[in-house]
Amino acid sequence: MKKILHLLLDFGYVLIAIFTVSFYKVMVSEGFGLSLRRILLIGFIWLIVGIGIYKLTNWLSKRVKLNLTIANVIGWLNLVSWIIGFLGLIVSSSTIALVQLFPDKQGKFFSNLAYISLLLSFFNMIAGGFSLDSYYIGLASFGVGFLYILFAIATYLFSVRVNKRKIVGQLGEEQNKSYQPSKYKFFPVGGLLLIIVSLGLFYWYEIRPAKIKHDCSWIKQHSDAIPEKQPMTKEELLNAGLIEDCDKKYLDNEYSTEFFGNISKELCQKKVKSVINEYSSYKPYEPAKEWKVKASNEEYEFCLHDKGL
């Protein structure tokens, strides 16, 4: 039953995506008025579309085995696609008001530009989850949206000045008081709210999972540190006078050395030399080292489960 609900939910996201594009088309072509409620409604629908595409790609990634590197690249491309999708939302929604402010030719230009930006951003969001070619679509969408926003801001400010002068000349100062161009202030406010909400969702649904997957792909390993006490070299030990101490401690006896040699002195020297050889063979001091190795599939899955993915 749970699998059936997930399939119905994913299918519903696809229908909502189709409805969103159709809704944009009707609003732009019919020239509907724009209100803060409509902007929030469109933004909410677009958020659902973005989350739906994320869930769909996540559902596919669990059923199709992908290389971890390719999966991370697709995840970042999906993040970029989602950001560009919100740029398309802002561009397309602002077009509805701009079409009503300018003459027919400029309105048609804005309308066509909004179609291009919207379609590119929407297809880019879909392509970001399935192929690497969405990078070029994203660049085209971002370029069109960026140029559009610059041109729209410049022409909008110019039109406000022109309209204000016309109202001052035709209606007089008293009627001019009723003119309130500030009614368009909800554009930056609504855009700021959308950006804040989208950035939070980007981090939670894209950046955080991508970072967790990257961290879980590698396992840290440590080497043991060699003691910090530095050993002396063999030459330094030989010059330290340890062997001469044996000569001083066990003096030669004219009777014993003639037949048996000085056994005690020879044993002492032999023991000192063996200690020197053993001590000088110690490795020099090295601090503990750390490196990363590729995680196995079991370790990777356990890490993801442990961190809540």
Protein backbone atom coordinates (compact mmCIF):
# COMPACT_ATOMS: atom_id res chain seq x y z
CA MET A 1 0.00 0.00 0.00
CA LYS A 2 2.86 2.36 0.83
CA LYS A 3 4.48 1.79 -2.57
CA ILE A 4 1.17 2.49 -4.33
CA LEU A 5 0.82 5.77 -2.42
CA HIS A 6 4.36 6.78 -3.42
CA LEU A 7 3.62 6.02 -7.08
CA LEU A 8 0.39 8.04 -6.95
CA LEU A 9 2.24 10.91 -5.28
CA ASP A 10 4.94 10.95 -7.96
CA PHE A 11 2.28 10.79 -10.68
CA GLY A 12 0.51 13.70 -9.00
CA TYR A 13 3.71 15.75 -9.08
CA VAL A 14 3.92 15.24 -12.85
CA LEU A 15 0.32 16.43 -13.25
CA ILE A 16 1.03 19.47 -11.08
CA ALA A 17 4.05 20.30 -13.25
CA ILE A 18 1.90 20.16 -16.40
CA PHE A 19 -0.76 22.27 -14.69
CA THR A 20 1.85 24.85 -13.67
CA VAL A 21 3.04 25.38 -17.25
CA SER A 22 -0.56 25.61 -18.49
CA PHE A 23 -1.41 28.04 -15.69
CA TYR A 24 1.49 30.30 -16.69
CA LYS A 25 0.45 30.19 -20.33
CA VAL A 26 -3.14 31.19 -19.56
CA MET A 27 -2.13 34.01 -17.21
CA VAL A 28 0.39 35.52 -19.63
CA SER A 29 -1.76 35.16 -22.76
CA GLU A 30 -4.94 36.47 -21.11
CA GLY A 31 -3.10 39.29 -19.31
CA PHE A 32 -4.58 38.56 -15.90
CA GLY A 33 -3.85 41.00 -13.10
CA LEU A 34 -1.15 40.04 -10.64
CA SER A 35 -1.61 39.97 -6.88
CA LEU A 36 0.50 38.87 -3.96
CA ARG A 37 -1.83 35.92 -3.40
CA ARG A 38 -1.33 34.71 -6.98
CA ILE A 39 2.46 35.05 -6.64
CA LEU A 40 2.45 33.00 -3.44
CA LEU A 41 0.17 30.43 -5.06
CA ILE A 42 2.44 30.06 -8.08
CA GLY A 43 5.50 29.95 -5.80
CA PHE A 44 3.91 27.21 -3.69
CA ILE A 45 3.05 25.18 -6.79
CA TRP A 46 6.59 25.62 -8.09
CA LEU A 47 7.99 24.46 -4.74
CA ILE A 48 5.87 21.32 -4.98
CA VAL A 49 7.15 20.76 -8.52
CA GLY A 50 10.76 21.12 -7.35
CA ILE A 51 10.28 18.76 -4.41
CA GLY A 52 8.44 16.34 -6.71
CA ILE A 53 11.32 16.26 -9.18
CA TYR A 54 13.71 15.69 -6.30
CA LYS A 55 11.59 12.80 -4.99
CA LEU A 56 11.33 11.32 -8.47
CA THR A 57 15.10 11.39 -9.03
CA ASN A 58 15.64 10.01 -5.54
CA TRP A 59 13.17 7.21 -6.31
CA LEU A 60 15.03 6.40 -9.53
CA SER A 61 18.46 6.53 -7.88
CA LYS A 62 17.36 3.85 -5.39
CA ARG A 63 16.25 1.53 -8.19
CA VAL A 64 19.01 2.22 -10.72
CA LYS A 65 22.60 1.58 -9.62
CA LEU A 66 24.78 4.58 -10.45
CA ASN A 67 28.42 5.36 -9.91
CA LEU A 68 28.84 7.54 -6.81
CA THR A 69 30.67 10.24 -8.77
CA ILE A 70 27.94 10.43 -11.42
CA ALA A 71 25.28 10.47 -8.72
CA ASN A 72 26.95 13.43 -6.98
CA VAL A 73 27.27 15.32 -10.28
CA ILE A 74 23.59 14.73 -11.06
CA GLY A 75 22.68 15.91 -7.57
CA TRP A 76 24.55 19.20 -8.00
CA LEU A 77 23.05 19.68 -11.49
CA ASN A 78 19.62 19.14 -10.01
CA LEU A 79 20.38 21.85 -7.44
CA VAL A 80 21.46 24.29 -10.17
CA SER A 81 18.37 23.39 -12.20
CA TRP A 82 16.13 24.09 -9.23
CA ILE A 83 17.69 27.53 -8.70
CA ILE A 84 17.23 28.37 -12.37
CA GLY A 85 13.65 27.17 -12.11
CA PHE A 86 12.97 29.81 -9.46
CA LEU A 87 14.59 32.45 -11.68
CA GLY A 88 12.15 31.38 -14.37
CA LEU A 89 9.31 31.75 -11.86
CA ILE A 90 10.30 35.32 -10.98
CA VAL A 91 10.84 36.27 -14.62
CA SER A 92 7.56 34.78 -15.79
CA SER A 93 5.43 36.17 -12.96
CA SER A 94 6.85 39.68 -13.33
CA THR A 95 6.03 39.55 -17.04
CA ILE A 96 2.31 39.49 -16.27
CA ALA A 97 2.50 43.00 -14.80
CA LEU A 98 5.06 44.32 -17.30
CA VAL A 99 2.88 43.31 -20.26
CA GLN A 100 0.20 45.67 -18.97
CA LEU A 101 2.62 48.59 -18.47
CA PHE A 102 4.14 48.73 -21.95
CA PRO A 103 2.79 49.03 -25.52
CA ASP A 104 1.85 45.98 -27.58
CA LYS A 105 5.26 45.43 -29.20
CA GLN A 106 7.13 45.58 -25.91
CA GLY A 107 4.47 43.46 -24.24
CA LYS A 108 4.83 40.82 -26.93
CA PHE A 109 8.61 40.90 -26.49
CA PHE A 110 8.27 40.38 -22.73
CA SER A 111 5.74 37.62 -23.25
CA ASN A 112 7.96 35.70 -25.70
CA LEU A 113 10.98 36.17 -23.46
CA ALA A 114 9.02 34.84 -20.50
CA TYR A 115 7.95 31.79 -22.52
CA ILE A 116 11.59 31.07 -23.39
CA SER A 117 12.81 31.53 -19.82
CA LEU A 118 9.97 29.49 -18.34
CA LEU A 119 10.29 26.58 -20.76
CA LEU A 120 14.08 26.49 -20.47
CA SER A 121 13.97 26.53 -16.69
CA PHE A 122 11.24 23.89 -16.56
CA PHE A 123 12.98 21.52 -19.00
CA ASN A 124 16.24 22.20 -17.21
CA MET A 125 14.74 21.06 -13.91
CA ILE A 126 13.59 17.82 -15.53
CA ALA A 127 16.84 17.24 -17.42
CA GLY A 128 18.91 17.91 -14.31
CA GLY A 129 17.72 14.65 -12.78
CA PHE A 130 18.33 12.42 -15.79
CA SER A 131 21.29 13.64 -17.88
CA LEU A 132 24.40 15.80 -17.80
CA ASP A 133 23.26 17.84 -20.82
CA SER A 134 21.13 20.05 -18.58
CA TYR A 135 24.27 22.11 -17.92
CA TYR A 136 23.97 23.80 -21.32
CA ILE A 137 20.21 24.26 -20.96
CA GLY A 138 20.84 25.84 -17.57
CA LEU A 139 23.38 28.30 -18.99
CA ALA A 140 20.93 29.34 -21.72
CA SER A 141 18.10 29.73 -19.21
CA PHE A 142 20.24 31.73 -16.79
CA GLY A 143 21.50 34.00 -19.58
CA VAL A 144 18.01 34.71 -20.89
CA GLY A 145 16.62 35.28 -17.40
CA PHE A 146 19.51 37.54 -16.36
CA LEU A 147 19.27 39.74 -19.49
CA TYR A 148 15.51 39.87 -19.11
CA ILE A 149 15.70 41.02 -15.48
CA LEU A 150 18.20 43.78 -16.30
CA PHE A 151 16.12 45.02 -19.23
CA ALA A 152 12.87 44.77 -17.27
CA ILE A 153 14.22 46.80 -14.34
CA ALA A 154 15.57 49.53 -16.63
CA THR A 155 12.39 49.86 -18.67
CA TYR A 156 10.17 49.66 -15.61
CA LEU A 157 11.98 52.53 -13.88
CA PHE A 158 11.81 54.56 -17.08
CA SER A 159 8.08 53.91 -17.47
CA VAL A 160 7.40 54.96 -13.87
CA ARG A 161 9.06 58.32 -14.54
CA VAL A 162 7.16 58.83 -17.79
CA ASN A 163 3.80 57.89 -16.26
CA LYS A 164 4.40 60.14 -13.27
CA ARG A 165 5.14 63.13 -15.51
CA LYS A 166 2.00 62.46 -17.55
CA ILE A 167 -0.13 62.30 -14.43
CA VAL A 168 1.40 65.51 -13.08
CA GLY A 169 0.67 67.32 -16.35
CA GLN A 170 -2.82 65.97 -17.00
CA LEU A 171 -4.46 65.43 -13.63
CA GLY A 172 -2.75 68.01 -11.46
CA GLU A 173 -1.17 67.71 -8.07
CA GLU A 174 -4.31 66.69 -6.15
CA GLN A 175 -5.16 63.74 -8.37
CA ASN A 176 -1.49 62.86 -8.53
CA LYS A 177 -1.61 62.07 -4.81
CA SER A 178 -3.84 59.11 -5.59
CA TYR A 179 -1.18 57.71 -7.93
CA GLN A 180 0.72 55.09 -5.98
CA PRO A 181 3.47 53.33 -7.90
CA SER A 182 4.37 51.69 -4.59
CA LYS A 183 1.78 48.99 -5.31
CA TYR A 184 4.54 47.18 -7.18
CA LYS A 185 6.72 46.99 -4.07
CA PHE A 186 5.45 43.48 -3.40
CA PHE A 187 7.64 42.29 -6.30
CA PRO A 188 10.95 42.59 -4.40
CA VAL A 189 9.27 41.51 -1.14
CA GLY A 190 7.69 38.45 -2.72
CA GLY A 191 10.90 37.67 -4.59
CA LEU A 192 12.93 37.94 -1.38
CA LEU A 193 10.56 35.60 0.43
CA LEU A 194 10.73 33.10 -2.42
CA ILE A 195 14.52 33.27 -2.46
CA ILE A 196 14.75 32.75 1.33
CA VAL A 197 12.35 29.80 1.25
CA SER A 198 14.02 28.32 -1.81
CA LEU A 199 17.52 28.63 -0.32
CA GLY A 200 16.35 26.85 2.81
CA LEU A 201 14.81 24.07 0.74
CA PHE A 202 17.90 23.91 -1.51
CA TYR A 203 20.09 23.37 1.53
CA TRP A 204 17.84 20.79 3.17
CA TYR A 205 16.93 18.75 0.08
CA GLU A 206 20.05 19.18 -2.08
CA ILE A 207 23.17 20.57 -0.40
CA ARG A 208 22.79 18.59 2.86
CA PRO A 209 22.16 15.21 1.14
CA ALA A 210 24.98 15.85 -1.37
CA LYS A 211 27.42 16.64 1.45
CA ILE A 212 26.33 13.58 3.45
CA LYS A 213 26.71 11.34 0.38
CA HIS A 214 30.17 12.76 -0.29
CA ASP A 215 31.27 12.27 3.32
CA CYS A 216 29.86 8.73 3.42
CA SER A 217 31.71 7.80 0.21
CA TRP A 218 35.06 7.94 2.05
CA ILE A 219 36.28 6.48 5.34
CA LYS A 220 39.05 8.09 7.38
CA GLN A 221 41.94 5.89 8.51
CA HIS A 222 44.72 6.78 10.95
CA SER A 223 48.29 5.56 11.41
CA ASP A 224 49.85 5.08 14.83
CA ALA A 225 52.25 7.79 15.93
CA ILE A 226 55.87 6.75 16.59
CA PRO A 227 57.07 7.92 20.06
CA GLU A 228 58.30 11.47 20.15
CA LYS A 229 61.61 10.58 21.88
CA GLN A 230 64.34 10.83 19.25
CA PRO A 231 66.89 7.92 19.34
CA MET A 232 70.63 8.48 19.01
CA THR A 233 72.49 7.28 15.94
CA LYS A 234 74.91 4.35 16.08
CA GLU A 235 77.92 6.66 15.72
CA GLU A 236 76.71 8.84 18.61
CA LEU A 237 76.29 5.79 20.84
CA LEU A 238 79.73 4.42 19.95
CA ASN A 239 81.31 7.78 20.76
CA ALA A 240 79.46 8.00 24.07
CA GLY A 241 82.18 5.96 25.83
CA LEU A 242 80.05 2.95 26.80
CA ILE A 243 82.60 0.44 25.53
CA GLU A 244 85.41 2.27 27.33
CA ASP A 245 83.41 1.95 30.53
CA CYS A 246 83.69 -1.83 30.19
CA ASP A 247 87.47 -1.50 29.88
CA LYS A 248 87.62 0.56 33.03
CA LYS A 249 85.25 -1.69 34.95
CA TYR A 250 86.95 -4.97 34.04
CA LEU A 251 90.70 -4.44 34.08
CA ASP A 252 93.02 -7.03 32.59
CA ASN A 253 94.60 -9.59 34.95
CA GLU A 254 98.02 -10.86 33.92
CA TYR A 255 97.23 -14.41 35.00
CA SER A 256 93.67 -14.87 33.76
CA THR A 257 94.06 -13.03 30.46
CA GLU A 258 97.06 -15.07 29.47
CA PHE A 259 95.12 -18.35 29.48
CA PHE A 260 91.41 -17.45 29.32
CA GLY A 261 91.31 -13.81 28.24
CA ASN A 262 89.23 -11.15 30.00
CA ILE A 263 85.84 -12.87 29.72
CA SER A 264 83.95 -10.31 31.78
CA LYS A 265 85.16 -7.39 29.66
CA GLU A 266 84.33 -9.21 26.43
CA LEU A 267 80.82 -10.05 27.64
CA CYS A 268 80.30 -6.43 28.70
CA GLN A 269 81.45 -5.10 25.33
CA LYS A 270 79.30 -7.62 23.47
CA LYS A 271 76.23 -6.65 25.49
CA VAL A 272 76.87 -2.93 24.95
CA LYS A 273 77.24 -3.42 21.18
CA SER A 274 74.01 -5.43 20.96
CA VAL A 275 72.14 -2.70 22.86
CA ILE A 276 73.64 -0.04 20.56
CA ASN A 277 72.56 -1.96 17.45
CA GLU A 278 69.05 -2.48 18.80
CA TYR A 279 68.57 1.11 19.98
CA SER A 280 69.95 2.70 16.81
CA SER A 281 67.55 0.63 14.66
CA TYR A 282 64.50 2.50 16.00
CA LYS A 283 62.57 4.53 13.42
CA PRO A 284 62.70 8.32 13.67
CA TYR A 285 59.71 10.15 15.12
CA GLU A 286 56.69 10.47 12.85
CA PRO A 287 53.33 12.04 13.74
CA ALA A 288 50.07 10.19 13.15
CA LYS A 289 48.86 10.38 9.55
CA GLU A 290 45.31 10.43 8.21
CA TRP A 291 44.02 9.40 4.80
CA LYS A 292 40.76 8.43 3.16
CA VAL A 293 39.78 5.21 1.41
CA LYS A 294 36.75 4.41 -0.70
CA ALA A 295 33.85 3.10 1.36
CA SER A 296 32.26 -0.22 0.49
CA ASN A 297 28.60 -0.42 -0.47
CA GLU A 298 27.67 -1.77 2.98
CA GLU A 299 29.58 1.00 4.77
CA TYR A 300 28.09 3.62 2.44
CA GLU A 301 24.51 2.45 2.99
CA PHE A 302 25.03 2.21 6.77
CA CYS A 303 26.43 5.76 6.88
CA LEU A 304 23.47 7.12 4.91
CA HIS A 305 21.01 5.34 7.19
CA ASP A 306 22.86 6.55 10.29
CA LYS A 307 22.64 10.20 9.11
CA GLY A 308 18.98 10.02 8.23
CA LEU A 309 18.96 9.65 4.43
